[in-house]
């Protein structure tokens, strides 16, 4: 399932601020899909998600939460969104 979230910012600025990104969310249902889109984790298993930043665009790949109480998958979405704006924990964007 794919959900595209476009963040549109209207302002009178000549340039786009560095913290403005267009975020695309790709929700997957299986480990096979996750590995295909994100690769393996450190333990050769499917990761919980990943964020791919290219300029002012970011694609988040994560498992689809089943309910609003699905904390683990919702936390992963927030974690990957953080990577969209702050980059890898060891490297600034």
C-alpha atoms as a PDB file:
ATOM      1  CA  UNK A   1       0.000   0.000   0.000  1.00  0.00           C
ATOM      2  CA  UNK A   2       1.373   3.406  -0.848  1.00  0.00           C
ATOM      3  CA  UNK A   3       0.352   6.659   0.684  1.00  0.00           C
ATOM      4  CA  UNK A   4       1.936   9.823  -0.600  1.00  0.00           C
ATOM      5  CA  UNK A   5       2.125  12.682   1.823  1.00  0.00           C
ATOM      6  CA  UNK A   6       3.060  15.931   0.210  1.00  0.00           C
ATOM      7  CA  UNK A   7       4.110  18.685   2.525  1.00  0.00           C
ATOM      8  CA  UNK A   8       3.360  21.966   0.822  1.00  0.00           C
ATOM      9  CA  UNK A   9       4.647  25.133   2.348  1.00  0.00           C
ATOM     10  CA  UNK A  10       3.507  28.470   1.015  1.00  0.00           C
ATOM     11  CA  UNK A  11       5.710  31.418   1.835  1.00  0.00           C
ATOM     12  CA  UNK A  12       7.104  34.529   0.242  1.00  0.00           C
ATOM     13  CA  UNK A  13      10.674  33.220   0.432  1.00  0.00           C
ATOM     14  CA  UNK A  14      12.900  33.021  -2.639  1.00  0.00           C
ATOM     15  CA  UNK A  15      14.263  29.636  -1.552  1.00  0.00           C
ATOM     16  CA  UNK A  16      12.879  26.614   0.266  1.00  0.00           C
ATOM     17  CA  UNK A  17      14.047  26.262   3.896  1.00  0.00           C
ATOM     18  CA  UNK A  18      16.337  23.239   4.441  1.00  0.00           C
ATOM     19  CA  UNK A  19      13.856  21.572   6.820  1.00  0.00           C
ATOM     20  CA  UNK A  20      11.079  21.362   4.187  1.00  0.00           C
ATOM     21  CA  UNK A  21      10.790  17.918   2.577  1.00  0.00           C
ATOM     22  CA  UNK A  22       8.325  16.081   0.408  1.00  0.00           C
ATOM     23  CA  UNK A  23       7.732  12.771   2.192  1.00  0.00           C
ATOM     24  CA  UNK A  24       6.425   9.650   0.476  1.00  0.00           C
ATOM     25  CA  UNK A  25       5.277   6.791   2.678  1.00  0.00           C
ATOM     26  CA  UNK A  26       5.409   3.217   1.386  1.00  0.00           C
ATOM     27  CA  UNK A  27       3.691   0.747   3.696  1.00  0.00           C
ATOM     28  CA  UNK A  28       4.669  -2.902   3.227  1.00  0.00           C
ATOM     29  CA  UNK A  29       3.014  -6.059   4.498  1.00  0.00           C
ATOM     30  CA  UNK A  30       5.839  -8.631   4.397  1.00  0.00           C
ATOM     31  CA  UNK A  31       9.486  -9.139   5.317  1.00  0.00           C
ATOM     32  CA  UNK A  32      10.214  -9.940   1.663  1.00  0.00           C
ATOM     33  CA  UNK A  33       8.934  -6.499   0.570  1.00  0.00           C
ATOM     34  CA  UNK A  34      10.868  -4.788   3.369  1.00  0.00           C
ATOM     35  CA  UNK A  35      14.152  -6.491   2.473  1.00  0.00           C
ATOM     36  CA  UNK A  36      13.607  -5.698  -1.219  1.00  0.00           C
ATOM     37  CA  UNK A  37      13.139  -1.976  -0.454  1.00  0.00           C
ATOM     38  CA  UNK A  38      15.496  -1.514   2.535  1.00  0.00           C
ATOM     39  CA  UNK A  39      17.989  -4.396   2.558  1.00  0.00           C
ATOM     40  CA  UNK A  40      18.911  -6.565   5.526  1.00  0.00           C
ATOM     41  CA  UNK A  41      19.431  -5.352   9.085  1.00  0.00           C
ATOM     42  CA  UNK A  42      22.589  -6.042  11.093  1.00  0.00           C
ATOM     43  CA  UNK A  43      21.323  -9.515  12.002  1.00  0.00           C
ATOM     44  CA  UNK A  44      20.384 -10.460   8.391  1.00  0.00           C
ATOM     45  CA  UNK A  45      16.697 -10.026   9.132  1.00  0.00           C
ATOM     46  CA  UNK A  46      14.232  -7.525   7.739  1.00  0.00           C
ATOM     47  CA  UNK A  47      14.613  -4.067   9.309  1.00  0.00           C
ATOM     48  CA  UNK A  48      11.603  -2.374  10.906  1.00  0.00           C
ATOM     49  CA  UNK A  49      11.770   0.393   8.304  1.00  0.00           C
ATOM     50  CA  UNK A  50      14.064   2.781   6.460  1.00  0.00           C
ATOM     51  CA  UNK A  51      14.200   6.352   5.197  1.00  0.00           C
ATOM     52  CA  UNK A  52      15.824   7.314   1.910  1.00  0.00           C
ATOM     53  CA  UNK A  53      16.658  10.992   1.535  1.00  0.00           C
ATOM     54  CA  UNK A  54      17.426  12.521  -1.852  1.00  0.00           C
ATOM     55  CA  UNK A  55      17.679  16.297  -1.719  1.00  0.00           C
ATOM     56  CA  UNK A  56      14.344  17.713  -0.585  1.00  0.00           C
ATOM     57  CA  UNK A  57      12.565  14.355  -1.033  1.00  0.00           C
ATOM     58  CA  UNK A  58      12.349  11.502   1.431  1.00  0.00           C
ATOM     59  CA  UNK A  59      10.779   8.058   1.071  1.00  0.00           C
ATOM     60  CA  UNK A  60       9.848   6.166   4.230  1.00  0.00           C
ATOM     61  CA  UNK A  61       9.330   2.410   3.978  1.00  0.00           C
ATOM     62  CA  UNK A  62       7.648   0.788   6.983  1.00  0.00           C
ATOM     63  CA  UNK A  63       5.233  -1.970   7.965  1.00  0.00           C
ATOM     64  CA  UNK A  64       1.583  -0.953   7.918  1.00  0.00           C
ATOM     65  CA  UNK A  65       0.226  -0.482  11.463  1.00  0.00           C
ATOM     66  CA  UNK A  66      -2.814  -2.683  12.125  1.00  0.00           C
ATOM     67  CA  UNK A  67      -4.477  -0.366  14.620  1.00  0.00           C
ATOM     68  CA  UNK A  68      -3.917   2.988  16.267  1.00  0.00           C
ATOM     69  CA  UNK A  69      -2.550   1.060  19.285  1.00  0.00           C
ATOM     70  CA  UNK A  70       0.174  -0.644  17.214  1.00  0.00           C
ATOM     71  CA  UNK A  71       2.909   1.236  19.094  1.00  0.00           C
ATOM     72  CA  UNK A  72       5.936  -0.538  17.625  1.00  0.00           C
ATOM     73  CA  UNK A  73       5.000   0.198  14.019  1.00  0.00           C
ATOM     74  CA  UNK A  74       3.847   3.746  14.803  1.00  0.00           C
ATOM     75  CA  UNK A  75       7.109   4.413  16.664  1.00  0.00           C
ATOM     76  CA  UNK A  76       9.008   3.159  13.616  1.00  0.00           C
ATOM     77  CA  UNK A  77       7.128   5.622  11.382  1.00  0.00           C
ATOM     78  CA  UNK A  78       8.107   8.482  13.702  1.00  0.00           C
ATOM     79  CA  UNK A  79      11.699   7.245  13.886  1.00  0.00           C
ATOM     80  CA  UNK A  80      12.032   7.121  10.106  1.00  0.00           C
ATOM     81  CA  UNK A  81      10.415  10.557   9.745  1.00  0.00           C
ATOM     82  CA  UNK A  82      13.099  11.860  12.115  1.00  0.00           C
ATOM     83  CA  UNK A  83      15.734  10.425   9.740  1.00  0.00           C
ATOM     84  CA  UNK A  84      14.080  12.340   6.880  1.00  0.00           C
ATOM     85  CA  UNK A  85      14.830  15.589   8.681  1.00  0.00           C
ATOM     86  CA  UNK A  86      17.934  14.820  10.740  1.00  0.00           C
ATOM     87  CA  UNK A  87      19.670  12.133   8.677  1.00  0.00           C
ATOM     88  CA  UNK A  88      21.546   9.152  10.070  1.00  0.00           C
ATOM     89  CA  UNK A  89      22.266   9.295  13.785  1.00  0.00           C
ATOM     90  CA  UNK A  90      25.992   9.537  12.993  1.00  0.00           C
ATOM     91  CA  UNK A  91      25.752  11.993  10.127  1.00  0.00           C
ATOM     92  CA  UNK A  92      23.975  15.324   9.879  1.00  0.00           C
ATOM     93  CA  UNK A  93      21.763  15.887   6.852  1.00  0.00           C
END
